Amino acid sequence: MSPNENFDVHIIMGSLSDEAVGKKAADKLQSLDIPYKVSVASAHRTPDFLEDIVSHSPAKVFIAIAGLAAALPGAIASHTGRPVIGVPVSGKVNMDSILSIVQMPPGIPVGCVGLDRGDNAAILAAQMLGVADPKVAEAVNEMRVKMASKVRADCSSVEL
């Protein structure tokens, strides 16, 4: 499903330099047939623009991709009660982005996946959506069955 204005997941990147990680999330959502939208907004450089995006978004789940101080996921969470999944972007100081997402204050939680794991953020978003949408739950289940089949095939082909 291509990005459109009727979407369930909103991917927001802190800058265009996060595009490769955003593409991982978009590709995975597309493979699961989940409608999404991608935006670029900075928690620090465009706080009013970010607030406008979040407050007008129909998304059920947000994926926030950010590096360095990684304030974006927390800033999004401060403007919505909907789930926010943070994706720390690797760089010169990886711990900054990880801790900025993981160490949120009480009452404003943000989920966090591994460094550059936009794909895992998309899967987690799909699992959240799947609680209320059997079609999405089935798509996630089918993806997991395919992954398990690949591992089994890899196991039977090992010749050491």
C-alpha atoms as a PDB file:
ATOM      1  CA  MET A   1       0.000   0.000   0.000  1.00  0.00           C
ATOM      2  CA  SER A   2       1.455   3.345  -0.923  1.00  0.00           C
ATOM      3  CA  PRO A   3       1.583   6.355   1.389  1.00  0.00           C
ATOM      4  CA  ASN A   4      -1.699   8.270   1.464  1.00  0.00           C
ATOM      5  CA  GLU A   5      -3.881  10.478   3.623  1.00  0.00           C
ATOM      6  CA  ASN A   6      -5.869   7.552   5.072  1.00  0.00           C
ATOM      7  CA  PHE A   7      -3.187   5.832   7.094  1.00  0.00           C
ATOM      8  CA  ASP A   8      -2.699   3.873  10.317  1.00  0.00           C
ATOM      9  CA  VAL A   9       1.001   4.499  10.973  1.00  0.00           C
ATOM     10  CA  HIS A  10       2.777   7.841  10.781  1.00  0.00           C
ATOM     11  CA  ILE A  11       6.539   7.627  10.350  1.00  0.00           C
ATOM     12  CA  ILE A  12       8.187  10.874  11.412  1.00  0.00           C
ATOM     13  CA  MET A  13      11.909  11.353  10.830  1.00  0.00           C
ATOM     14  CA  GLY A  14      13.906  14.041  12.601  1.00  0.00           C
ATOM     15  CA  SER A  15      15.740  14.892   9.388  1.00  0.00           C
ATOM     16  CA  LEU A  16      16.175  13.672   5.844  1.00  0.00           C
ATOM     17  CA  SER A  17      19.441  12.023   6.914  1.00  0.00           C
ATOM     18  CA  ASP A  18      17.245   9.406   8.672  1.00  0.00           C
ATOM     19  CA  GLU A  19      15.697   8.367   5.352  1.00  0.00           C
ATOM     20  CA  ALA A  20      17.421   4.947   5.103  1.00  0.00           C
ATOM     21  CA  VAL A  21      15.990   3.922   8.482  1.00  0.00           C
ATOM     22  CA  GLY A  22      12.585   5.347   7.532  1.00  0.00           C
ATOM     23  CA  LYS A  23      12.662   3.289   4.334  1.00  0.00           C
ATOM     24  CA  LYS A  24      13.086   0.096   6.372  1.00  0.00           C
ATOM     25  CA  ALA A  25       9.909   0.943   8.287  1.00  0.00           C
ATOM     26  CA  ALA A  26       7.985   1.966   5.157  1.00  0.00           C
ATOM     27  CA  ASP A  27       9.042  -1.161   3.255  1.00  0.00           C
ATOM     28  CA  LYS A  28       7.934  -3.440   6.096  1.00  0.00           C
ATOM     29  CA  LEU A  29       4.581  -1.659   6.492  1.00  0.00           C
ATOM     30  CA  GLN A  30       4.046  -1.893   2.749  1.00  0.00           C
ATOM     31  CA  SER A  31       4.811  -5.638   2.793  1.00  0.00           C
ATOM     32  CA  LEU A  32       2.162  -6.031   5.515  1.00  0.00           C
ATOM     33  CA  ASP A  33      -0.326  -3.912   3.512  1.00  0.00           C
ATOM     34  CA  ILE A  34      -0.563  -1.298   6.271  1.00  0.00           C
ATOM     35  CA  PRO A  35      -1.209   2.276   5.112  1.00  0.00           C
ATOM     36  CA  TYR A  36       1.344   4.804   6.305  1.00  0.00           C
ATOM     37  CA  LYS A  37       2.623   8.318   5.820  1.00  0.00           C
ATOM     38  CA  VAL A  38       6.150   9.672   6.138  1.00  0.00           C
ATOM     39  CA  SER A  39       6.977  13.183   7.371  1.00  0.00           C
ATOM     40  CA  VAL A  40      10.106  15.066   8.390  1.00  0.00           C
ATOM     41  CA  ALA A  41       9.931  17.315  11.447  1.00  0.00           C
ATOM     42  CA  SER A  42      12.447  18.239  14.102  1.00  0.00           C
ATOM     43  CA  ALA A  43      11.659  18.330  17.810  1.00  0.00           C
ATOM     44  CA  HIS A  44      14.176  21.159  18.202  1.00  0.00           C
ATOM     45  CA  ARG A  45      14.149  23.072  14.918  1.00  0.00           C
ATOM     46  CA  THR A  46      10.407  22.873  14.092  1.00  0.00           C
ATOM     47  CA  PRO A  47       8.513  22.210  17.349  1.00  0.00           C
ATOM     48  CA  ASP A  48       5.332  24.015  16.228  1.00  0.00           C
ATOM     49  CA  PHE A  49       5.343  22.152  12.899  1.00  0.00           C
ATOM     50  CA  LEU A  50       5.781  18.842  14.748  1.00  0.00           C
ATOM     51  CA  GLU A  51       2.911  19.617  17.111  1.00  0.00           C
ATOM     52  CA  ASP A  52       0.691  20.454  14.111  1.00  0.00           C
ATOM     53  CA  ILE A  53       1.598  17.205  12.345  1.00  0.00           C
ATOM     54  CA  VAL A  54       0.903  15.059  15.416  1.00  0.00           C
ATOM     55  CA  SER A  55      -2.310  16.811  16.426  1.00  0.00           C
ATOM     56  CA  HIS A  56      -3.783  16.504  12.917  1.00  0.00           C
ATOM     57  CA  SER A  57      -2.567  12.993  12.149  1.00  0.00           C
ATOM     58  CA  PRO A  58      -5.212  10.245  11.981  1.00  0.00           C
ATOM     59  CA  ALA A  59      -2.524   7.626  12.706  1.00  0.00           C
ATOM     60  CA  LYS A  60      -3.138   5.002  15.346  1.00  0.00           C
ATOM     61  CA  VAL A  61       0.605   4.520  15.941  1.00  0.00           C
ATOM     62  CA  PHE A  62       3.625   6.786  15.428  1.00  0.00           C
ATOM     63  CA  ILE A  63       7.129   5.670  14.534  1.00  0.00           C
ATOM     64  CA  ALA A  64       9.674   8.354  15.446  1.00  0.00           C
ATOM     65  CA  ILE A  65      13.147   8.053  13.931  1.00  0.00           C
ATOM     66  CA  ALA A  66      15.898  10.210  15.417  1.00  0.00           C
ATOM     67  CA  GLY A  67      19.593  10.309  16.159  1.00  0.00           C
ATOM     68  CA  LEU A  68      21.865  12.389  18.397  1.00  0.00           C
ATOM     69  CA  ALA A  69      19.779  13.775  21.275  1.00  0.00           C
ATOM     70  CA  ALA A  70      16.752  11.919  19.829  1.00  0.00           C
ATOM     71  CA  ALA A  71      14.101  14.121  21.431  1.00  0.00           C
ATOM     72  CA  LEU A  72      11.633  13.446  18.607  1.00  0.00           C
ATOM     73  CA  PRO A  73       9.885  10.357  20.069  1.00  0.00           C
ATOM     74  CA  GLY A  74       9.363  12.096  23.415  1.00  0.00           C
ATOM     75  CA  ALA A  75       8.180  15.273  21.748  1.00  0.00           C
ATOM     76  CA  ILE A  76       5.623  13.294  19.751  1.00  0.00           C
ATOM     77  CA  ALA A  77       4.498  11.457  22.893  1.00  0.00           C
ATOM     78  CA  SER A  78       4.005  14.791  24.647  1.00  0.00           C
ATOM     79  CA  HIS A  79       1.368  15.706  22.022  1.00  0.00           C
ATOM     80  CA  THR A  80      -0.613  12.436  21.869  1.00  0.00           C
ATOM     81  CA  GLY A  81      -1.859   9.540  23.939  1.00  0.00           C
ATOM     82  CA  ARG A  82      -1.404   7.171  21.007  1.00  0.00           C
ATOM     83  CA  PRO A  83       1.534   4.718  20.983  1.00  0.00           C
ATOM     84  CA  VAL A  84       4.921   6.068  19.916  1.00  0.00           C
ATOM     85  CA  ILE A  85       7.755   3.757  18.907  1.00  0.00           C
ATOM     86  CA  GLY A  86      11.196   5.341  18.915  1.00  0.00           C
ATOM     87  CA  VAL A  87      13.949   4.237  16.571  1.00  0.00           C
ATOM     88  CA  PRO A  88      17.393   5.452  17.608  1.00  0.00           C
ATOM     89  CA  VAL A  89      19.658   6.164  14.640  1.00  0.00           C
ATOM     90  CA  SER A  90      23.280   5.110  14.857  1.00  0.00           C
ATOM     91  CA  GLY A  91      26.002   7.700  14.613  1.00  0.00           C
ATOM     92  CA  LYS A  92      29.094   8.916  16.382  1.00  0.00           C
ATOM     93  CA  VAL A  93      27.479   8.706  19.836  1.00  0.00           C
ATOM     94  CA  ASN A  94      24.967   5.846  19.739  1.00  0.00           C
ATOM     95  CA  MET A  95      24.198   5.910  23.463  1.00  0.00           C
ATOM     96  CA  ASP A  96      22.826   9.457  23.234  1.00  0.00           C
ATOM     97  CA  SER A  97      20.019   8.448  20.899  1.00  0.00           C
ATOM     98  CA  ILE A  98      19.299   5.192  22.736  1.00  0.00           C
ATOM     99  CA  LEU A  99      19.113   6.771  26.192  1.00  0.00           C
ATOM    100  CA  SER A 100      17.121   9.770  24.952  1.00  0.00           C
ATOM    101  CA  ILE A 101      14.385   7.388  23.819  1.00  0.00           C
ATOM    102  CA  VAL A 102      14.569   4.780  26.588  1.00  0.00           C
ATOM    103  CA  GLN A 103      14.805   7.161  29.558  1.00  0.00           C
ATOM    104  CA  MET A 104      11.450   8.922  29.279  1.00  0.00           C
ATOM    105  CA  PRO A 105       9.905  10.493  32.391  1.00  0.00           C
ATOM    106  CA  PRO A 106       7.063   8.757  34.220  1.00  0.00           C
ATOM    107  CA  GLY A 107       3.711   9.045  32.465  1.00  0.00           C
ATOM    108  CA  ILE A 108       5.028   9.682  28.949  1.00  0.00           C
ATOM    109  CA  PRO A 109       6.258   6.275  27.764  1.00  0.00           C
ATOM    110  CA  VAL A 110       7.877   5.648  24.402  1.00  0.00           C
ATOM    111  CA  GLY A 111       8.585   2.180  23.048  1.00  0.00           C
ATOM    112  CA  CYS A 112      12.098   1.691  21.710  1.00  0.00           C
ATOM    113  CA  VAL A 113      13.588  -0.742  19.210  1.00  0.00           C
ATOM    114  CA  GLY A 114      17.248  -1.306  18.378  1.00  0.00           C
ATOM    115  CA  LEU A 115      19.583   1.043  16.542  1.00  0.00           C
ATOM    116  CA  ASP A 116      18.440   1.630  12.943  1.00  0.00           C
ATOM    117  CA  ARG A 117      15.676  -1.020  13.278  1.00  0.00           C
ATOM    118  CA  GLY A 118      12.926   0.770  11.385  1.00  0.00           C
ATOM    119  CA  ASP A 119      11.758  -2.664  10.252  1.00  0.00           C
ATOM    120  CA  ASN A 120      11.250  -3.831  13.833  1.00  0.00           C
ATOM    121  CA  ALA A 121       9.386  -0.615  14.644  1.00  0.00           C
ATOM    122  CA  ALA A 122       7.021  -1.362  11.756  1.00  0.00           C
ATOM    123  CA  ILE A 123       6.477  -4.916  12.975  1.00  0.00           C
ATOM    124  CA  LEU A 124       5.779  -3.678  16.514  1.00  0.00           C
ATOM    125  CA  ALA A 125       3.319  -1.129  15.108  1.00  0.00           C
ATOM    126  CA  ALA A 126       1.641  -3.921  13.130  1.00  0.00           C
ATOM    127  CA  GLN A 127       1.358  -6.056  16.263  1.00  0.00           C
ATOM    128  CA  MET A 128      -0.300  -3.139  18.056  1.00  0.00           C
ATOM    129  CA  LEU A 129      -2.738  -2.635  15.188  1.00  0.00           C
ATOM    130  CA  GLY A 130      -3.345  -6.380  15.024  1.00  0.00           C
ATOM    131  CA  VAL A 131      -4.917  -6.369  18.483  1.00  0.00           C
ATOM    132  CA  ALA A 132      -8.001  -4.766  16.929  1.00  0.00           C
ATOM    133  CA  ASP A 133      -7.572  -5.782  13.268  1.00  0.00           C
ATOM    134  CA  PRO A 134      -7.597  -9.518  12.471  1.00  0.00           C
ATOM    135  CA  LYS A 135      -6.354  -8.881   8.927  1.00  0.00           C
ATOM    136  CA  VAL A 136      -3.204  -7.192  10.243  1.00  0.00           C
ATOM    137  CA  ALA A 137      -2.737  -9.889  12.898  1.00  0.00           C
ATOM    138  CA  GLU A 138      -2.893 -12.539  10.175  1.00  0.00           C
ATOM    139  CA  ALA A 139      -0.357 -10.667   8.019  1.00  0.00           C
ATOM    140  CA  VAL A 140       2.051 -10.534  10.973  1.00  0.00           C
ATOM    141  CA  ASN A 141       1.497 -14.229  11.657  1.00  0.00           C
ATOM    142  CA  GLU A 142       2.167 -15.112   7.998  1.00  0.00           C
ATOM    143  CA  MET A 143       5.384 -13.078   8.090  1.00  0.00           C
ATOM    144  CA  ARG A 144       6.523 -14.975  11.178  1.00  0.00           C
ATOM    145  CA  VAL A 145       5.699 -18.335   9.599  1.00  0.00           C
ATOM    146  CA  LYS A 146       7.820 -17.391   6.549  1.00  0.00           C
ATOM    147  CA  MET A 147      10.709 -16.362   8.800  1.00  0.00           C
ATOM    148  CA  ALA A 148      10.506 -19.673  10.677  1.00  0.00           C
ATOM    149  CA  SER A 149      10.432 -21.618   7.391  1.00  0.00           C
ATOM    150  CA  LYS A 150      13.568 -19.829   6.223  1.00  0.00           C
ATOM    151  CA  VAL A 151      15.418 -20.677   9.448  1.00  0.00           C
ATOM    152  CA  ARG A 152      14.379 -24.329   9.143  1.00  0.00           C
ATOM    153  CA  ALA A 153      15.572 -24.400   5.537  1.00  0.00           C
ATOM    154  CA  ASP A 154      18.866 -22.786   6.553  1.00  0.00           C
ATOM    155  CA  CYS A 155      19.272 -25.399   9.289  1.00  0.00           C
ATOM    156  CA  SER A 156      18.791 -28.313   6.895  1.00  0.00           C
ATOM    157  CA  SER A 157      21.278 -26.861   4.410  1.00  0.00           C
ATOM    158  CA  VAL A 158      24.208 -26.435   6.830  1.00  0.00           C
ATOM    159  CA  GLU A 159      27.199 -28.525   5.786  1.00  0.00           C
ATOM    160  CA  LEU A 160      30.091 -27.918   8.182  1.00  0.00           C
END
